[in-house]
mmCIF file of all heavy atoms, coordinates in Angstrom:
data_MODEL
# 
_entry.id   MODEL 
# 
loop_
_atom_site.group_PDB 
_atom_site.id 
_atom_site.type_symbol 
_atom_site.label_atom_id 
_atom_site.label_alt_id 
_atom_site.label_comp_id 
_atom_site.label_asym_id 
_atom_site.label_entity_id 
_atom_site.label_seq_id 
_atom_site.pdbx_PDB_ins_code 
_atom_site.Cartn_x 
_atom_site.Cartn_y 
_atom_site.Cartn_z 
_atom_site.occupancy 
_atom_site.B_iso_or_equiv 
_atom_site.pdbx_formal_charge 
_atom_site.auth_seq_id 
_atom_site.auth_comp_id 
_atom_site.auth_asym_id 
_atom_site.auth_atom_id 
_atom_site.pdbx_PDB_model_num 
ATOM 1   N N   . ASN A 1 1  ? 7.538   15.293  11.805  1.00 0.00 ? 1  ASN A N   1 
ATOM 2   C CA  . ASN A 1 1  ? 7.375   15.286  10.335  1.00 0.00 ? 1  ASN A CA  1 
ATOM 3   C C   . ASN A 1 1  ? 7.827   14.033  9.681   1.00 0.00 ? 1  ASN A C   1 
ATOM 4   O O   . ASN A 1 1  ? 7.057   13.537  8.718   1.00 0.00 ? 1  ASN A O   1 
ATOM 5   C CB  . ASN A 1 1  ? 7.993   16.508  9.703   1.00 0.00 ? 1  ASN A CB  1 
ATOM 6   C CG  . ASN A 1 1  ? 7.417   17.932  10.207  1.00 0.00 ? 1  ASN A CG  1 
ATOM 7   O OD1 . ASN A 1 1  ? 6.179   17.884  10.436  1.00 0.00 ? 1  ASN A OD1 1 
ATOM 8   N ND2 . ASN A 1 1  ? 8.214   18.944  10.099  1.00 0.00 ? 1  ASN A ND2 1 
ATOM 9   N N   . GLN A 1 2  ? 9.009   13.437  10.057  1.00 0.00 ? 2  GLN A N   1 
ATOM 10  C CA  . GLN A 1 2  ? 9.452   12.288  9.462   1.00 0.00 ? 2  GLN A CA  1 
ATOM 11  C C   . GLN A 1 2  ? 8.479   11.052  9.752   1.00 0.00 ? 2  GLN A C   1 
ATOM 12  O O   . GLN A 1 2  ? 8.307   10.196  9.030   1.00 0.00 ? 2  GLN A O   1 
ATOM 13  C CB  . GLN A 1 2  ? 10.829  11.984  10.016  1.00 0.00 ? 2  GLN A CB  1 
ATOM 14  C CG  . GLN A 1 2  ? 11.784  12.958  9.411   1.00 0.00 ? 2  GLN A CG  1 
ATOM 15  C CD  . GLN A 1 2  ? 13.271  12.717  10.061  1.00 0.00 ? 2  GLN A CD  1 
ATOM 16  O OE1 . GLN A 1 2  ? 13.369  12.265  11.266  1.00 0.00 ? 2  GLN A OE1 1 
ATOM 17  N NE2 . GLN A 1 2  ? 14.307  13.055  9.309   1.00 0.00 ? 2  GLN A NE2 1 
ATOM 18  N N   . LYS A 1 3  ? 7.932   11.115  11.062  1.00 0.00 ? 3  LYS A N   1 
ATOM 19  C CA  . LYS A 1 3  ? 7.036   10.073  11.394  1.00 0.00 ? 3  LYS A CA  1 
ATOM 20  C C   . LYS A 1 3  ? 5.767   10.180  10.550  1.00 0.00 ? 3  LYS A C   1 
ATOM 21  O O   . LYS A 1 3  ? 5.243   9.057   10.183  1.00 0.00 ? 3  LYS A O   1 
ATOM 22  C CB  . LYS A 1 3  ? 6.652   10.211  12.820  1.00 0.00 ? 3  LYS A CB  1 
ATOM 23  C CG  . LYS A 1 3  ? 7.672   9.709   13.802  1.00 0.00 ? 3  LYS A CG  1 
ATOM 24  C CD  . LYS A 1 3  ? 7.198   9.652   15.217  1.00 0.00 ? 3  LYS A CD  1 
ATOM 25  C CE  . LYS A 1 3  ? 8.332   9.143   16.152  1.00 0.00 ? 3  LYS A CE  1 
ATOM 26  N NZ  . LYS A 1 3  ? 7.828   8.908   17.521  1.00 0.00 ? 3  LYS A NZ  1 
ATOM 27  N N   . LEU A 1 4  ? 5.300   11.340  10.323  1.00 0.00 ? 4  LEU A N   1 
ATOM 28  C CA  . LEU A 1 4  ? 4.092   11.554  9.470   1.00 0.00 ? 4  LEU A CA  1 
ATOM 29  C C   . LEU A 1 4  ? 4.359   11.040  8.008   1.00 0.00 ? 4  LEU A C   1 
ATOM 30  O O   . LEU A 1 4  ? 3.546   10.408  7.343   1.00 0.00 ? 4  LEU A O   1 
ATOM 31  C CB  . LEU A 1 4  ? 3.635   12.964  9.481   1.00 0.00 ? 4  LEU A CB  1 
ATOM 32  C CG  . LEU A 1 4  ? 3.096   13.417  10.743  1.00 0.00 ? 4  LEU A CG  1 
ATOM 33  C CD1 . LEU A 1 4  ? 2.685   14.950  10.597  1.00 0.00 ? 4  LEU A CD1 1 
ATOM 34  C CD2 . LEU A 1 4  ? 1.699   12.697  11.043  1.00 0.00 ? 4  LEU A CD2 1 
ATOM 35  N N   . ILE A 1 5  ? 5.629   11.371  7.503   1.00 0.00 ? 5  ILE A N   1 
ATOM 36  C CA  . ILE A 1 5  ? 5.941   10.940  6.129   1.00 0.00 ? 5  ILE A CA  1 
ATOM 37  C C   . ILE A 1 5  ? 6.057   9.390   6.072   1.00 0.00 ? 5  ILE A C   1 
ATOM 38  O O   . ILE A 1 5  ? 5.513   8.735   5.067   1.00 0.00 ? 5  ILE A O   1 
ATOM 39  C CB  . ILE A 1 5  ? 7.181   11.596  5.720   1.00 0.00 ? 5  ILE A CB  1 
ATOM 40  C CG1 . ILE A 1 5  ? 6.977   13.061  5.428   1.00 0.00 ? 5  ILE A CG1 1 
ATOM 41  C CG2 . ILE A 1 5  ? 7.735   10.966  4.386   1.00 0.00 ? 5  ILE A CG2 1 
ATOM 42  C CD1 . ILE A 1 5  ? 8.181   13.961  5.215   1.00 0.00 ? 5  ILE A CD1 1 
ATOM 43  N N   . ALA A 1 6  ? 6.710   8.886   7.010   1.00 0.00 ? 6  ALA A N   1 
ATOM 44  C CA  . ALA A 1 6  ? 6.852   7.403   6.977   1.00 0.00 ? 6  ALA A CA  1 
ATOM 45  C C   . ALA A 1 6  ? 5.525   6.648   7.257   1.00 0.00 ? 6  ALA A C   1 
ATOM 46  O O   . ALA A 1 6  ? 5.206   5.660   6.607   1.00 0.00 ? 6  ALA A O   1 
ATOM 47  C CB  . ALA A 1 6  ? 7.869   6.924   8.155   1.00 0.00 ? 6  ALA A CB  1 
ATOM 48  N N   . GLY A 1 7  ? 4.699   7.083   8.149   1.00 0.00 ? 7  GLY A N   1 
ATOM 49  C CA  . GLY A 1 7  ? 3.337   6.616   8.301   1.00 0.00 ? 7  GLY A CA  1 
ATOM 50  C C   . GLY A 1 7  ? 2.433   6.646   7.043   1.00 0.00 ? 7  GLY A C   1 
ATOM 51  O O   . GLY A 1 7  ? 1.693   5.858   6.796   1.00 0.00 ? 7  GLY A O   1 
ATOM 52  N N   . GLY A 1 8  ? 2.544   7.868   6.364   1.00 0.00 ? 8  GLY A N   1 
ATOM 53  C CA  . GLY A 1 8  ? 1.784   7.995   5.111   1.00 0.00 ? 8  GLY A CA  1 
ATOM 54  C C   . GLY A 1 8  ? 2.239   7.016   4.002   1.00 0.00 ? 8  GLY A C   1 
ATOM 55  O O   . GLY A 1 8  ? 1.520   6.320   3.479   1.00 0.00 ? 8  GLY A O   1 
ATOM 56  N N   . PHE A 1 9  ? 3.617   6.870   3.780   1.00 0.00 ? 9  PHE A N   1 
ATOM 57  C CA  . PHE A 1 9  ? 4.077   5.903   2.901   1.00 0.00 ? 9  PHE A CA  1 
ATOM 58  C C   . PHE A 1 9  ? 3.762   4.426   3.291   1.00 0.00 ? 9  PHE A C   1 
ATOM 59  O O   . PHE A 1 9  ? 3.349   3.631   2.521   1.00 0.00 ? 9  PHE A O   1 
ATOM 60  C CB  . PHE A 1 9  ? 5.638   5.980   2.758   1.00 0.00 ? 9  PHE A CB  1 
ATOM 61  C CG  . PHE A 1 9  ? 6.135   7.110   1.825   1.00 0.00 ? 9  PHE A CG  1 
ATOM 62  C CD1 . PHE A 1 9  ? 7.113   7.948   2.272   1.00 0.00 ? 9  PHE A CD1 1 
ATOM 63  C CD2 . PHE A 1 9  ? 5.688   7.088   0.539   1.00 0.00 ? 9  PHE A CD2 1 
ATOM 64  C CE1 . PHE A 1 9  ? 7.549   8.961   1.460   1.00 0.00 ? 9  PHE A CE1 1 
ATOM 65  C CE2 . PHE A 1 9  ? 6.058   8.193   -0.282  1.00 0.00 ? 9  PHE A CE2 1 
ATOM 66  C CZ  . PHE A 1 9  ? 7.109   9.018   0.172   1.00 0.00 ? 9  PHE A CZ  1 
ATOM 67  N N   . TYR A 1 10 ? 3.812   4.260   4.655   1.00 0.00 ? 10 TYR A N   1 
ATOM 68  C CA  . TYR A 1 10 ? 3.368   2.834   5.054   1.00 0.00 ? 10 TYR A CA  1 
ATOM 69  C C   . TYR A 1 10 ? 1.981   2.520   4.766   1.00 0.00 ? 10 TYR A C   1 
ATOM 70  O O   . TYR A 1 10 ? 1.664   1.502   4.254   1.00 0.00 ? 10 TYR A O   1 
ATOM 71  C CB  . TYR A 1 10 ? 3.605   2.693   6.658   1.00 0.00 ? 10 TYR A CB  1 
ATOM 72  C CG  . TYR A 1 10 ? 3.411   1.389   7.114   1.00 0.00 ? 10 TYR A CG  1 
ATOM 73  C CD1 . TYR A 1 10 ? 4.127   0.398   6.919   1.00 0.00 ? 10 TYR A CD1 1 
ATOM 74  C CD2 . TYR A 1 10 ? 2.145   1.212   7.826   1.00 0.00 ? 10 TYR A CD2 1 
ATOM 75  C CE1 . TYR A 1 10 ? 3.801   -0.918  7.462   1.00 0.00 ? 10 TYR A CE1 1 
ATOM 76  C CE2 . TYR A 1 10 ? 1.853   0.069   8.316   1.00 0.00 ? 10 TYR A CE2 1 
ATOM 77  C CZ  . TYR A 1 10 ? 2.611   -1.046  8.131   1.00 0.00 ? 10 TYR A CZ  1 
ATOM 78  O OH  . TYR A 1 10 ? 2.328   -2.258  8.816   1.00 0.00 ? 10 TYR A OH  1 
ATOM 79  N N   . LEU A 1 11 ? 1.080   3.468   5.112   1.00 0.00 ? 11 LEU A N   1 
ATOM 80  C CA  . LEU A 1 11 ? -0.361  3.234   4.857   1.00 0.00 ? 11 LEU A CA  1 
ATOM 81  C C   . LEU A 1 11 ? -0.679  3.134   3.484   1.00 0.00 ? 11 LEU A C   1 
ATOM 82  O O   . LEU A 1 11 ? -1.466  2.089   3.013   1.00 0.00 ? 11 LEU A O   1 
ATOM 83  C CB  . LEU A 1 11 ? -1.200  4.324   5.503   1.00 0.00 ? 11 LEU A CB  1 
ATOM 84  C CG  . LEU A 1 11 ? -1.375  4.339   7.039   1.00 0.00 ? 11 LEU A CG  1 
ATOM 85  C CD1 . LEU A 1 11 ? -2.010  5.521   7.545   1.00 0.00 ? 11 LEU A CD1 1 
ATOM 86  C CD2 . LEU A 1 11 ? -1.970  3.087   7.502   1.00 0.00 ? 11 LEU A CD2 1 
ATOM 87  N N   . ILE A 1 12 ? -0.209  3.903   2.631   1.00 0.00 ? 12 ILE A N   1 
ATOM 88  C CA  . ILE A 1 12 ? -0.494  3.830   1.245   1.00 0.00 ? 12 ILE A CA  1 
ATOM 89  C C   . ILE A 1 12 ? 0.115   2.614   0.665   1.00 0.00 ? 12 ILE A C   1 
ATOM 90  O O   . ILE A 1 12 ? -0.574  1.898   -0.285  1.00 0.00 ? 12 ILE A O   1 
ATOM 91  C CB  . ILE A 1 12 ? 0.024   5.085   0.441   1.00 0.00 ? 12 ILE A CB  1 
ATOM 92  C CG1 . ILE A 1 12 ? -0.734  6.356   0.811   1.00 0.00 ? 12 ILE A CG1 1 
ATOM 93  C CG2 . ILE A 1 12 ? -0.078  4.897   -1.125  1.00 0.00 ? 12 ILE A CG2 1 
ATOM 94  C CD1 . ILE A 1 12 ? -0.057  7.554   0.384   1.00 0.00 ? 12 ILE A CD1 1 
ATOM 95  N N   . GLY A 1 13 ? 1.202   2.227   1.017   1.00 0.00 ? 13 GLY A N   1 
ATOM 96  C CA  . GLY A 1 13 ? 1.824   0.926   0.480   1.00 0.00 ? 13 GLY A CA  1 
ATOM 97  C C   . GLY A 1 13 ? 1.054   -0.291  0.955   1.00 0.00 ? 13 GLY A C   1 
ATOM 98  O O   . GLY A 1 13 ? 0.890   -1.175  0.222   1.00 0.00 ? 13 GLY A O   1 
ATOM 99  N N   . LEU A 1 14 ? 0.800   -0.262  2.216   1.00 0.00 ? 14 LEU A N   1 
ATOM 100 C CA  . LEU A 1 14 ? -0.032  -1.355  2.786   1.00 0.00 ? 14 LEU A CA  1 
ATOM 101 C C   . LEU A 1 14 ? -1.269  -1.515  2.110   1.00 0.00 ? 14 LEU A C   1 
ATOM 102 O O   . LEU A 1 14 ? -1.830  -2.738  1.798   1.00 0.00 ? 14 LEU A O   1 
ATOM 103 C CB  . LEU A 1 14 ? -0.178  -1.179  4.313   1.00 0.00 ? 14 LEU A CB  1 
ATOM 104 C CG  . LEU A 1 14 ? -0.729  -2.426  4.968   1.00 0.00 ? 14 LEU A CG  1 
ATOM 105 C CD1 . LEU A 1 14 ? 0.179   -3.640  4.980   1.00 0.00 ? 14 LEU A CD1 1 
ATOM 106 C CD2 . LEU A 1 14 ? -0.967  -2.081  6.526   1.00 0.00 ? 14 LEU A CD2 1 
ATOM 107 N N   . LEU A 1 15 ? -1.992  -0.484  1.904   1.00 0.00 ? 15 LEU A N   1 
ATOM 108 C CA  . LEU A 1 15 ? -3.308  -0.485  1.263   1.00 0.00 ? 15 LEU A CA  1 
ATOM 109 C C   . LEU A 1 15 ? -3.363  -0.986  -0.100  1.00 0.00 ? 15 LEU A C   1 
ATOM 110 O O   . LEU A 1 15 ? -4.112  -1.723  -0.561  1.00 0.00 ? 15 LEU A O   1 
ATOM 111 C CB  . LEU A 1 15 ? -3.987  0.905   1.352   1.00 0.00 ? 15 LEU A CB  1 
ATOM 112 C CG  . LEU A 1 15 ? -4.523  1.301   2.721   1.00 0.00 ? 15 LEU A CG  1 
ATOM 113 C CD1 . LEU A 1 15 ? -5.140  2.722   2.624   1.00 0.00 ? 15 LEU A CD1 1 
ATOM 114 C CD2 . LEU A 1 15 ? -5.636  0.367   3.262   1.00 0.00 ? 15 LEU A CD2 1 
ATOM 115 N N   . SER A 1 16 ? -2.224  -0.580  -0.883  1.00 0.00 ? 16 SER A N   1 
ATOM 116 C CA  . SER A 1 16 ? -2.070  -1.027  -2.249  1.00 0.00 ? 16 SER A CA  1 
ATOM 117 C C   . SER A 1 16 ? -1.641  -2.583  -2.315  1.00 0.00 ? 16 SER A C   1 
ATOM 118 O O   . SER A 1 16 ? -2.213  -3.300  -3.178  1.00 0.00 ? 16 SER A O   1 
ATOM 119 C CB  . SER A 1 16 ? -0.982  -0.203  -3.081  1.00 0.00 ? 16 SER A CB  1 
ATOM 120 O OG  . SER A 1 16 ? 0.146   -0.339  -2.470  1.00 0.00 ? 16 SER A OG  1 
ATOM 121 N N   . VAL A 1 17 ? -0.909  -2.993  -1.404  1.00 0.00 ? 17 VAL A N   1 
ATOM 122 C CA  . VAL A 1 17 ? -0.582  -4.517  -1.379  1.00 0.00 ? 17 VAL A CA  1 
ATOM 123 C C   . VAL A 1 17 ? -1.885  -5.292  -0.978  1.00 0.00 ? 17 VAL A C   1 
ATOM 124 O O   . VAL A 1 17 ? -2.131  -6.244  -1.591  1.00 0.00 ? 17 VAL A O   1 
ATOM 125 C CB  . VAL A 1 17 ? 0.564   -4.640  -0.443  1.00 0.00 ? 17 VAL A CB  1 
ATOM 126 C CG1 . VAL A 1 17 ? 0.694   -6.247  -0.237  1.00 0.00 ? 17 VAL A CG1 1 
ATOM 127 C CG2 . VAL A 1 17 ? 1.924   -4.045  -0.995  1.00 0.00 ? 17 VAL A CG2 1 
ATOM 128 N N   . LEU A 1 18 ? -2.531  -4.717  0.043   1.00 0.00 ? 18 LEU A N   1 
ATOM 129 C CA  . LEU A 1 18 ? -3.801  -5.524  0.381   1.00 0.00 ? 18 LEU A CA  1 
ATOM 130 C C   . LEU A 1 18 ? -4.842  -5.526  -0.611  1.00 0.00 ? 18 LEU A C   1 
ATOM 131 O O   . LEU A 1 18 ? -5.557  -6.528  -0.752  1.00 0.00 ? 18 LEU A O   1 
ATOM 132 C CB  . LEU A 1 18 ? -4.282  -4.962  1.808   1.00 0.00 ? 18 LEU A CB  1 
ATOM 133 C CG  . LEU A 1 18 ? -3.492  -5.233  2.917   1.00 0.00 ? 18 LEU A CG  1 
ATOM 134 C CD1 . LEU A 1 18 ? -4.071  -4.477  4.150   1.00 0.00 ? 18 LEU A CD1 1 
ATOM 135 C CD2 . LEU A 1 18 ? -3.307  -6.688  3.231   1.00 0.00 ? 18 LEU A CD2 1 
ATOM 136 N N   . PHE A 1 19 ? -4.957  -4.302  -1.449  1.00 0.00 ? 19 PHE A N   1 
ATOM 137 C CA  . PHE A 1 19 ? -5.898  -4.333  -2.445  1.00 0.00 ? 19 PHE A CA  1 
ATOM 138 C C   . PHE A 1 19 ? -5.611  -5.315  -3.517  1.00 0.00 ? 19 PHE A C   1 
ATOM 139 O O   . PHE A 1 19 ? -6.379  -5.942  -4.103  1.00 0.00 ? 19 PHE A O   1 
ATOM 140 C CB  . PHE A 1 19 ? -5.948  -2.856  -3.022  1.00 0.00 ? 19 PHE A CB  1 
ATOM 141 C CG  . PHE A 1 19 ? -6.902  -2.750  -4.157  1.00 0.00 ? 19 PHE A CG  1 
ATOM 142 C CD1 . PHE A 1 19 ? -8.294  -2.734  -3.915  1.00 0.00 ? 19 PHE A CD1 1 
ATOM 143 C CD2 . PHE A 1 19 ? -6.355  -2.593  -5.387  1.00 0.00 ? 19 PHE A CD2 1 
ATOM 144 C CE1 . PHE A 1 19 ? -9.157  -2.572  -4.980  1.00 0.00 ? 19 PHE A CE1 1 
ATOM 145 C CE2 . PHE A 1 19 ? -7.245  -2.514  -6.560  1.00 0.00 ? 19 PHE A CE2 1 
ATOM 146 C CZ  . PHE A 1 19 ? -8.633  -2.521  -6.335  1.00 0.00 ? 19 PHE A CZ  1 
ATOM 147 N N   . GLN A 1 20 ? -4.253  -5.411  -3.839  1.00 0.00 ? 20 GLN A N   1 
ATOM 148 C CA  . GLN A 1 20 ? -3.848  -6.271  -4.845  1.00 0.00 ? 20 GLN A CA  1 
ATOM 149 C C   . GLN A 1 20 ? -4.040  -7.789  -4.426  1.00 0.00 ? 20 GLN A C   1 
ATOM 150 O O   . GLN A 1 20 ? -4.457  -8.603  -5.170  1.00 0.00 ? 20 GLN A O   1 
ATOM 151 C CB  . GLN A 1 20 ? -2.285  -6.104  -5.225  1.00 0.00 ? 20 GLN A CB  1 
ATOM 152 C CG  . GLN A 1 20 ? -1.711  -7.079  -6.084  1.00 0.00 ? 20 GLN A CG  1 
ATOM 153 C CD  . GLN A 1 20 ? -2.476  -7.139  -7.415  1.00 0.00 ? 20 GLN A CD  1 
ATOM 154 O OE1 . GLN A 1 20 ? -2.967  -6.081  -8.010  1.00 0.00 ? 20 GLN A OE1 1 
ATOM 155 N NE2 . GLN A 1 20 ? -2.671  -8.357  -7.961  1.00 0.00 ? 20 GLN A NE2 1 
ATOM 156 N N   . ALA A 1 21 ? -3.888  -8.029  -3.148  1.00 0.00 ? 21 ALA A N   1 
ATOM 157 C CA  . ALA A 1 21 ? -4.004  -9.370  -2.594  1.00 0.00 ? 21 ALA A CA  1 
ATOM 158 C C   . ALA A 1 21 ? -5.528  -9.764  -2.642  1.00 0.00 ? 21 ALA A C   1 
ATOM 159 O O   . ALA A 1 21 ? -5.741  -10.978 -2.806  1.00 0.00 ? 21 ALA A O   1 
ATOM 160 C CB  . ALA A 1 21 ? -3.441  -9.441  -1.217  1.00 0.00 ? 21 ALA A CB  1 
ATOM 161 N N   . SER A 1 22 ? -6.274  -8.769  -2.384  1.00 0.00 ? 22 SER A N   1 
ATOM 162 C CA  . SER A 1 22 ? -7.782  -9.158  -2.495  1.00 0.00 ? 22 SER A CA  1 
ATOM 163 C C   . SER A 1 22 ? -8.446  -9.237  -3.812  1.00 0.00 ? 22 SER A C   1 
ATOM 164 O O   . SER A 1 22 ? -9.551  -9.704  -3.995  1.00 0.00 ? 22 SER A O   1 
ATOM 165 C CB  . SER A 1 22 ? -8.589  -8.147  -1.509  1.00 0.00 ? 22 SER A CB  1 
ATOM 166 O OG  . SER A 1 22 ? -8.417  -6.881  -2.221  1.00 0.00 ? 22 SER A OG  1 
ATOM 167 N N   . SER A 1 23 ? -7.649  -8.628  -4.806  1.00 0.00 ? 23 SER A N   1 
ATOM 168 C CA  . SER A 1 23 ? -8.322  -8.690  -6.171  1.00 0.00 ? 23 SER A CA  1 
ATOM 169 C C   . SER A 1 23 ? -7.975  -10.037 -6.825  1.00 0.00 ? 23 SER A C   1 
ATOM 170 O O   . SER A 1 23 ? -6.992  -10.783 -6.554  1.00 0.00 ? 23 SER A O   1 
ATOM 171 C CB  . SER A 1 23 ? -7.813  -7.513  -6.956  1.00 0.00 ? 23 SER A CB  1 
ATOM 172 O OG  . SER A 1 23 ? -6.461  -7.824  -7.242  1.00 0.00 ? 23 SER A OG  1 
ATOM 173 N N   . SER A 1 24 ? -8.928  -10.370 -7.807  1.00 0.00 ? 24 SER A N   1 
ATOM 174 C CA  . SER A 1 24 ? -8.634  -11.756 -8.524  1.00 0.00 ? 24 SER A CA  1 
ATOM 175 C C   . SER A 1 24 ? -7.775  -11.607 -9.635  1.00 0.00 ? 24 SER A C   1 
ATOM 176 O O   . SER A 1 24 ? -7.155  -12.664 -10.026 1.00 0.00 ? 24 SER A O   1 
ATOM 177 C CB  . SER A 1 24 ? -10.124 -12.249 -8.932  1.00 0.00 ? 24 SER A CB  1 
ATOM 178 O OG  . SER A 1 24 ? -10.673 -11.244 -9.909  1.00 0.00 ? 24 SER A OG  1 
ATOM 179 N N   . GLU A 1 25 ? -7.558  -10.474 -10.126 1.00 0.00 ? 25 GLU A N   1 
ATOM 180 C CA  . GLU A 1 25 ? -6.614  -10.267 -11.267 1.00 0.00 ? 25 GLU A CA  1 
ATOM 181 C C   . GLU A 1 25 ? -5.170  -9.870  -10.762 1.00 0.00 ? 25 GLU A C   1 
ATOM 182 O O   . GLU A 1 25 ? -5.104  -9.180  -9.726  1.00 0.00 ? 25 GLU A O   1 
ATOM 183 C CB  . GLU A 1 25 ? -7.043  -9.210  -12.218 1.00 0.00 ? 25 GLU A CB  1 
ATOM 184 C CG  . GLU A 1 25 ? -8.385  -9.554  -12.846 1.00 0.00 ? 25 GLU A CG  1 
ATOM 185 C CD  . GLU A 1 25 ? -8.784  -8.226  -13.731 1.00 0.00 ? 25 GLU A CD  1 
ATOM 186 O OE1 . GLU A 1 25 ? -8.038  -7.298  -13.995 1.00 0.00 ? 25 GLU A OE1 1 
ATOM 187 O OE2 . GLU A 1 25 ? -9.914  -8.337  -14.193 1.00 0.00 ? 25 GLU A OE2 1 
ATOM 188 N N   . ILE A 1 26 ? -4.123  -10.452 -11.288 1.00 0.00 ? 26 ILE A N   1 
ATOM 189 C CA  . ILE A 1 26 ? -2.788  -10.081 -10.882 1.00 0.00 ? 26 ILE A CA  1 
ATOM 190 C C   . ILE A 1 26 ? -2.395  -8.838  -11.677 1.00 0.00 ? 26 ILE A C   1 
ATOM 191 O O   . ILE A 1 26 ? -2.252  -8.830  -12.907 1.00 0.00 ? 26 ILE A O   1 
ATOM 192 C CB  . ILE A 1 26 ? -1.851  -11.294 -11.284 1.00 0.00 ? 26 ILE A CB  1 
ATOM 193 C CG1 . ILE A 1 26 ? -2.326  -12.470 -10.372 1.00 0.00 ? 26 ILE A CG1 1 
ATOM 194 C CG2 . ILE A 1 26 ? -0.448  -10.906 -10.910 1.00 0.00 ? 26 ILE A CG2 1 
ATOM 195 C CD1 . ILE A 1 26 ? -1.561  -13.749 -10.701 1.00 0.00 ? 26 ILE A CD1 1 
ATOM 196 N N   . ASN A 1 27 ? -1.952  -7.768  -10.868 1.00 0.00 ? 27 ASN A N   1 
ATOM 197 C CA  . ASN A 1 27 ? -1.462  -6.595  -11.485 1.00 0.00 ? 27 ASN A CA  1 
ATOM 198 C C   . ASN A 1 27 ? -0.169  -6.357  -10.700 1.00 0.00 ? 27 ASN A C   1 
ATOM 199 O O   . ASN A 1 27 ? -0.154  -5.851  -9.570  1.00 0.00 ? 27 ASN A O   1 
ATOM 200 C CB  . ASN A 1 27 ? -2.437  -5.384  -11.165 1.00 0.00 ? 27 ASN A CB  1 
ATOM 201 C CG  . ASN A 1 27 ? -2.032  -4.155  -11.792 1.00 0.00 ? 27 ASN A CG  1 
ATOM 202 O OD1 . ASN A 1 27 ? -0.963  -4.122  -12.455 1.00 0.00 ? 27 ASN A OD1 1 
ATOM 203 N ND2 . ASN A 1 27 ? -2.793  -3.145  -11.613 1.00 0.00 ? 27 ASN A ND2 1 
ATOM 204 N N   . TYR A 1 28 ? 0.948   -6.734  -11.402 1.00 0.00 ? 28 TYR A N   1 
ATOM 205 C CA  . TYR A 1 28 ? 2.213   -6.618  -10.679 1.00 0.00 ? 28 TYR A CA  1 
ATOM 206 C C   . TYR A 1 28 ? 2.656   -5.133  -10.493 1.00 0.00 ? 28 TYR A C   1 
ATOM 207 O O   . TYR A 1 28 ? 3.494   -4.922  -9.583  1.00 0.00 ? 28 TYR A O   1 
ATOM 208 C CB  . TYR A 1 28 ? 3.362   -7.373  -11.468 1.00 0.00 ? 28 TYR A CB  1 
ATOM 209 C CG  . TYR A 1 28 ? 3.112   -8.868  -11.374 1.00 0.00 ? 28 TYR A CG  1 
ATOM 210 C CD1 . TYR A 1 28 ? 2.739   -9.594  -12.457 1.00 0.00 ? 28 TYR A CD1 1 
ATOM 211 C CD2 . TYR A 1 28 ? 3.285   -9.523  -10.137 1.00 0.00 ? 28 TYR A CD2 1 
ATOM 212 C CE1 . TYR A 1 28 ? 2.537   -11.046 -12.440 1.00 0.00 ? 28 TYR A CE1 1 
ATOM 213 C CE2 . TYR A 1 28 ? 3.126   -10.839 -10.025 1.00 0.00 ? 28 TYR A CE2 1 
ATOM 214 C CZ  . TYR A 1 28 ? 2.782   -11.620 -11.286 1.00 0.00 ? 28 TYR A CZ  1 
ATOM 215 O OH  . TYR A 1 28 ? 2.668   -13.010 -11.081 1.00 0.00 ? 28 TYR A OH  1 
ATOM 216 N N   . THR A 1 29 ? 2.167   -4.275  -11.302 1.00 0.00 ? 29 THR A N   1 
ATOM 217 C CA  . THR A 1 29 ? 2.651   -2.834  -11.130 1.00 0.00 ? 29 THR A CA  1 
ATOM 218 C C   . THR A 1 29 ? 2.087   -2.309  -9.775  1.00 0.00 ? 29 THR A C   1 
ATOM 219 O O   . THR A 1 29 ? 2.873   -1.717  -9.176  1.00 0.00 ? 29 THR A O   1 
ATOM 220 C CB  . THR A 1 29 ? 1.910   -2.043  -12.257 1.00 0.00 ? 29 THR A CB  1 
ATOM 221 O OG1 . THR A 1 29 ? 2.331   -2.607  -13.554 1.00 0.00 ? 29 THR A OG1 1 
ATOM 222 C CG2 . THR A 1 29 ? 2.453   -0.564  -12.210 1.00 0.00 ? 29 THR A CG2 1 
# 
């Protein structure tokens, strides 16, 4: 269960950082 929670947080965090890196506008939030 802890691995699933950590993996979920990791995937969501990584996707949001990669989405921000690929967009042209800077959204620090």
